[in-house]
């Protein structure tokens, strides 16, 4: 999922440099959403984690 964030971020940068405002804002919006989804998934996986069974 992190690769999607990077892809949309690069797309937003390139579109912004070329002057495509609508495309750049759309790609930036998608990148923000994916970033926060990835961040929430990371926090949840750190909180739950793999717990070792009692020995």
PDB file of N, CA and C in Angstrom:
ATOM      1  N   UNK A   1       0.829  -1.183   0.000  1.00  0.00           N
ATOM      2  CA  UNK A   1       0.000   0.000   0.000  1.00  0.00           C
ATOM      3  C   UNK A   1       0.880   1.256   0.000  1.00  0.00           C
ATOM      4  N   UNK A   2       2.028   1.129   0.600  1.00  0.00           N
ATOM      5  CA  UNK A   2       2.935   2.271   0.613  1.00  0.00           C
ATOM      6  C   UNK A   2       3.396   2.622  -0.799  1.00  0.00           C
ATOM      7  N   UNK A   3       3.496   1.623  -1.652  1.00  0.00           N
ATOM      8  CA  UNK A   3       3.905   1.900  -3.033  1.00  0.00           C
ATOM      9  C   UNK A   3       2.849   2.742  -3.758  1.00  0.00           C
ATOM     10  N   UNK A   4       1.564   2.543  -3.421  1.00  0.00           N
ATOM     11  CA  UNK A   4       0.510   3.365  -4.027  1.00  0.00           C
ATOM     12  C   UNK A   4       0.631   4.811  -3.586  1.00  0.00           C
ATOM     13  N   UNK A   5       0.981   5.013  -2.317  1.00  0.00           N
ATOM     14  CA  UNK A   5       1.147   6.372  -1.814  1.00  0.00           C
ATOM     15  C   UNK A   5       2.276   7.067  -2.560  1.00  0.00           C
ATOM     16  N   UNK A   6       3.386   6.365  -2.724  1.00  0.00           N
ATOM     17  CA  UNK A   6       4.535   6.943  -3.429  1.00  0.00           C
ATOM     18  C   UNK A   6       4.180   7.216  -4.884  1.00  0.00           C
ATOM     19  N   UNK A   7       3.457   6.293  -5.510  1.00  0.00           N
ATOM     20  CA  UNK A   7       3.071   6.473  -6.912  1.00  0.00           C
ATOM     21  C   UNK A   7       2.196   7.709  -7.093  1.00  0.00           C
ATOM     22  N   UNK A   8       1.179   7.857  -6.258  1.00  0.00           N
ATOM     23  CA  UNK A   8       0.299   9.015  -6.383  1.00  0.00           C
ATOM     24  C   UNK A   8       1.006  10.307  -5.996  1.00  0.00           C
ATOM     25  N   UNK A   9       1.953  10.229  -5.059  1.00  0.00           N
ATOM     26  CA  UNK A   9       2.722  11.415  -4.697  1.00  0.00           C
ATOM     27  C   UNK A   9       3.569  11.881  -5.871  1.00  0.00           C
ATOM     28  N   UNK A  10       4.244  10.959  -6.531  1.00  0.00           N
ATOM     29  CA  UNK A  10       5.065  11.311  -7.697  1.00  0.00           C
ATOM     30  C   UNK A  10       4.186  11.835  -8.822  1.00  0.00           C
ATOM     31  N   UNK A  11       3.034  11.214  -9.021  1.00  0.00           N
ATOM     32  CA  UNK A  11       2.101  11.680 -10.046  1.00  0.00           C
ATOM     33  C   UNK A  11       1.629  13.101  -9.747  1.00  0.00           C
ATOM     34  N   UNK A  12       1.361  13.389  -8.473  1.00  0.00           N
ATOM     35  CA  UNK A  12       0.932  14.737  -8.096  1.00  0.00           C
ATOM     36  C   UNK A  12       2.034  15.761  -8.326  1.00  0.00           C
ATOM     37  N   UNK A  13       3.276  15.397  -8.014  1.00  0.00           N
ATOM     38  CA  UNK A  13       4.402  16.311  -8.222  1.00  0.00           C
ATOM     39  C   UNK A  13       4.591  16.610  -9.705  1.00  0.00           C
ATOM     40  N   UNK A  14       4.578  15.561 -10.524  1.00  0.00           N
ATOM     41  CA  UNK A  14       4.773  15.742 -11.973  1.00  0.00           C
ATOM     42  C   UNK A  14       3.625  16.553 -12.561  1.00  0.00           C
ATOM     43  N   UNK A  15       2.397  16.222 -12.171  1.00  0.00           N
ATOM     44  CA  UNK A  15       1.245  16.959 -12.704  1.00  0.00           C
ATOM     45  C   UNK A  15       1.282  18.415 -12.246  1.00  0.00           C
ATOM     46  N   UNK A  16       1.723  18.660 -11.025  1.00  0.00           N
ATOM     47  CA  UNK A  16       1.831  20.029 -10.535  1.00  0.00           C
ATOM     48  C   UNK A  16       2.873  20.823 -11.302  1.00  0.00           C
ATOM     49  N   UNK A  17       3.988  20.182 -11.631  1.00  0.00           N
ATOM     50  CA  UNK A  17       5.034  20.855 -12.395  1.00  0.00           C
ATOM     51  C   UNK A  17       4.574  21.185 -13.815  1.00  0.00           C
ATOM     52  N   UNK A  18       3.743  20.304 -14.361  1.00  0.00           N
ATOM     53  CA  UNK A  18       3.256  20.520 -15.722  1.00  0.00           C
ATOM     54  C   UNK A  18       2.038  21.439 -15.770  1.00  0.00           C
ATOM     55  N   UNK A  19       1.485  21.768 -14.619  1.00  0.00           N
ATOM     56  CA  UNK A  19       0.388  22.725 -14.578  1.00  0.00           C
ATOM     57  C   UNK A  19      -0.995  22.124 -14.659  1.00  0.00           C
ATOM     58  N   UNK A  20      -1.130  20.849 -14.422  1.00  0.00           N
ATOM     59  CA  UNK A  20      -2.447  20.222 -14.433  1.00  0.00           C
ATOM     60  C   UNK A  20      -3.013  20.266 -13.020  1.00  0.00           C
ATOM     61  N   UNK A  21      -3.732  21.324 -12.699  1.00  0.00           N
ATOM     62  CA  UNK A  21      -4.222  21.528 -11.340  1.00  0.00           C
ATOM     63  C   UNK A  21      -5.193  20.471 -10.872  1.00  0.00           C
ATOM     64  N   UNK A  22      -6.144  20.105 -11.701  1.00  0.00           N
ATOM     65  CA  UNK A  22      -7.144  19.120 -11.301  1.00  0.00           C
ATOM     66  C   UNK A  22      -6.551  17.750 -11.068  1.00  0.00           C
ATOM     67  N   UNK A  23      -5.665  17.336 -11.957  1.00  0.00           N
ATOM     68  CA  UNK A  23      -5.029  16.028 -11.821  1.00  0.00           C
ATOM     69  C   UNK A  23      -4.121  16.010 -10.600  1.00  0.00           C
ATOM     70  N   UNK A  24      -3.389  17.091 -10.387  1.00  0.00           N
ATOM     71  CA  UNK A  24      -2.467  17.149  -9.255  1.00  0.00           C
ATOM     72  C   UNK A  24      -3.226  17.102  -7.933  1.00  0.00           C
ATOM     73  N   UNK A  25      -4.306  17.848  -7.835  1.00  0.00           N
ATOM     74  CA  UNK A  25      -5.054  17.843  -6.570  1.00  0.00           C
ATOM     75  C   UNK A  25      -5.736  16.498  -6.345  1.00  0.00           C
ATOM     76  N   UNK A  26      -6.196  15.874  -7.416  1.00  0.00           N
ATOM     77  CA  UNK A  26      -6.814  14.552  -7.275  1.00  0.00           C
ATOM     78  C   UNK A  26      -5.821  13.504  -6.816  1.00  0.00           C
ATOM     79  N   UNK A  27      -4.646  13.511  -7.420  1.00  0.00           N
ATOM     80  CA  UNK A  27      -3.617  12.542  -7.037  1.00  0.00           C
ATOM     81  C   UNK A  27      -3.118  12.817  -5.623  1.00  0.00           C
ATOM     82  N   UNK A  28      -3.006  14.066  -5.259  1.00  0.00           N
ATOM     83  CA  UNK A  28      -2.564  14.410  -3.903  1.00  0.00           C
ATOM     84  C   UNK A  28      -3.614  13.980  -2.880  1.00  0.00           C
ATOM     85  N   UNK A  29      -4.875  14.143  -3.213  1.00  0.00           N
ATOM     86  CA  UNK A  29      -5.942  13.710  -2.314  1.00  0.00           C
ATOM     87  C   UNK A  29      -5.930  12.205  -2.099  1.00  0.00           C
ATOM     88  N   UNK A  30      -5.748  11.468  -3.183  1.00  0.00           N
ATOM     89  CA  UNK A  30      -5.684  10.009  -3.078  1.00  0.00           C
ATOM     90  C   UNK A  30      -4.462   9.596  -2.267  1.00  0.00           C
ATOM     91  N   UNK A  31      -3.334  10.260  -2.476  1.00  0.00           N
ATOM     92  CA  UNK A  31      -2.122   9.937  -1.724  1.00  0.00           C
ATOM     93  C   UNK A  31      -2.314  10.205  -0.237  1.00  0.00           C
ATOM     94  N   UNK A  32      -3.006  11.285   0.112  1.00  0.00           N
ATOM     95  CA  UNK A  32      -3.268  11.576   1.524  1.00  0.00           C
ATOM     96  C   UNK A  32      -4.135  10.493   2.151  1.00  0.00           C
ATOM     97  N   UNK A  33      -5.196  10.113   1.444  1.00  0.00           N
ATOM     98  CA  UNK A  33      -6.092   9.091   1.971  1.00  0.00           C
ATOM     99  C   UNK A  33      -5.347   7.777   2.180  1.00  0.00           C
ATOM    100  N   UNK A  34      -4.581   7.357   1.177  1.00  0.00           N
ATOM    101  CA  UNK A  34      -3.833   6.111   1.298  1.00  0.00           C
ATOM    102  C   UNK A  34      -2.785   6.188   2.401  1.00  0.00           C
ATOM    103  N   UNK A  35      -2.171   7.346   2.587  1.00  0.00           N
ATOM    104  CA  UNK A  35      -1.196   7.502   3.652  1.00  0.00           C
ATOM    105  C   UNK A  35      -1.829   7.284   5.012  1.00  0.00           C
ATOM    106  N   UNK A  36      -2.999   7.897   5.238  1.00  0.00           N
ATOM    107  CA  UNK A  36      -3.642   7.756   6.537  1.00  0.00           C
ATOM    108  C   UNK A  36      -4.182   6.345   6.754  1.00  0.00           C
ATOM    109  N   UNK A  37      -4.666   5.702   5.704  1.00  0.00           N
ATOM    110  CA  UNK A  37      -5.104   4.309   5.824  1.00  0.00           C
ATOM    111  C   UNK A  37      -3.909   3.431   6.199  1.00  0.00           C
ATOM    112  N   UNK A  38      -2.764   3.653   5.550  1.00  0.00           N
ATOM    113  CA  UNK A  38      -1.558   2.891   5.847  1.00  0.00           C
ATOM    114  C   UNK A  38      -1.095   3.158   7.274  1.00  0.00           C
ATOM    115  N   UNK A  39      -1.168   4.401   7.716  1.00  0.00           N
ATOM    116  CA  UNK A  39      -0.746   4.756   9.063  1.00  0.00           C
ATOM    117  C   UNK A  39      -1.637   4.092  10.113  1.00  0.00           C
ATOM    118  N   UNK A  40      -2.940   4.073   9.890  1.00  0.00           N
ATOM    119  CA  UNK A  40      -3.863   3.426  10.820  1.00  0.00           C
ATOM    120  C   UNK A  40      -3.605   1.913  10.852  1.00  0.00           C
ATOM    121  N   UNK A  41      -3.371   1.315   9.678  1.00  0.00           N
ATOM    122  CA  UNK A  41      -3.074  -0.120   9.634  1.00  0.00           C
ATOM    123  C   UNK A  41      -1.778  -0.429  10.378  1.00  0.00           C
ATOM    124  N   UNK A  42      -0.781   0.439  10.264  1.00  0.00           N
ATOM    125  CA  UNK A  42       0.476   0.247  10.979  1.00  0.00           C
ATOM    126  C   UNK A  42       0.258   0.309  12.488  1.00  0.00           C
ATOM    127  N   UNK A  43      -0.489   1.296  12.945  1.00  0.00           N
ATOM    128  CA  UNK A  43      -0.740   1.442  14.381  1.00  0.00           C
ATOM    129  C   UNK A  43      -1.520   0.246  14.917  1.00  0.00           C
ATOM    130  N   UNK A  44      -2.519  -0.194  14.169  1.00  0.00           N
ATOM    131  CA  UNK A  44      -3.291  -1.357  14.605  1.00  0.00           C
ATOM    132  C   UNK A  44      -2.435  -2.615  14.658  1.00  0.00           C
ATOM    133  N   UNK A  45      -1.565  -2.796  13.685  1.00  0.00           N
ATOM    134  CA  UNK A  45      -0.722  -3.985  13.692  1.00  0.00           C
ATOM    135  C   UNK A  45       0.311  -3.927  14.814  1.00  0.00           C
ATOM    136  N   UNK A  46       0.770  -2.726  15.164  1.00  0.00           N
ATOM    137  CA  UNK A  46       1.700  -2.608  16.283  1.00  0.00           C
ATOM    138  C   UNK A  46       0.997  -2.873  17.613  1.00  0.00           C
ATOM    139  N   UNK A  47      -0.251  -2.435  17.743  1.00  0.00           N
ATOM    140  CA  UNK A  47      -0.982  -2.647  18.980  1.00  0.00           C
ATOM    141  C   UNK A  47      -1.374  -4.101  19.179  1.00  0.00           C
ATOM    142  N   UNK A  48      -1.848  -4.741  18.120  1.00  0.00           N
ATOM    143  CA  UNK A  48      -2.273  -6.133  18.262  1.00  0.00           C
ATOM    144  C   UNK A  48      -1.057  -7.049  18.209  1.00  0.00           C
ATOM    145  N   UNK A  49      -0.236  -6.906  17.197  1.00  0.00           N
ATOM    146  CA  UNK A  49       1.016  -7.651  17.090  1.00  0.00           C
ATOM    147  C   UNK A  49       0.850  -9.155  17.210  1.00  0.00           C
ATOM    148  N   UNK A  50       1.932  -9.824  17.002  1.00  0.00           N
ATOM    149  CA  UNK A  50       1.938 -11.264  17.204  1.00  0.00           C
ATOM    150  C   UNK A  50       2.386 -11.532  18.630  1.00  0.00           C
ATOM    151  N   UNK A  51       1.548 -12.214  19.328  1.00  0.00           N
ATOM    152  CA  UNK A  51       1.889 -12.537  20.705  1.00  0.00           C
ATOM    153  C   UNK A  51       2.275 -14.008  20.780  1.00  0.00           C
ATOM    154  N   UNK A  52       3.310 -14.255  21.522  1.00  0.00           N
ATOM    155  CA  UNK A  52       3.758 -15.640  21.686  1.00  0.00           C
ATOM    156  C   UNK A  52       2.808 -16.370  22.628  1.00  0.00           C
ATOM    157  N   UNK A  53       2.510 -17.617  22.299  1.00  0.00           N
ATOM    158  CA  UNK A  53       1.680 -18.388  23.231  1.00  0.00           C
ATOM    159  C   UNK A  53       2.481 -18.706  24.496  1.00  0.00           C
ATOM    160  N   UNK A  54       1.815 -18.808  25.629  1.00  0.00           N
ATOM    161  CA  UNK A  54       2.553 -19.104  26.855  1.00  0.00           C
ATOM    162  C   UNK A  54       3.231 -20.457  26.772  1.00  0.00           C
ATOM    163  N   UNK A  55       4.459 -20.518  27.263  1.00  0.00           N
ATOM    164  CA  UNK A  55       5.238 -21.757  27.160  1.00  0.00           C
ATOM    165  C   UNK A  55       4.958 -22.696  28.289  1.00  0.00           C
TER     166      UNK A  55
END
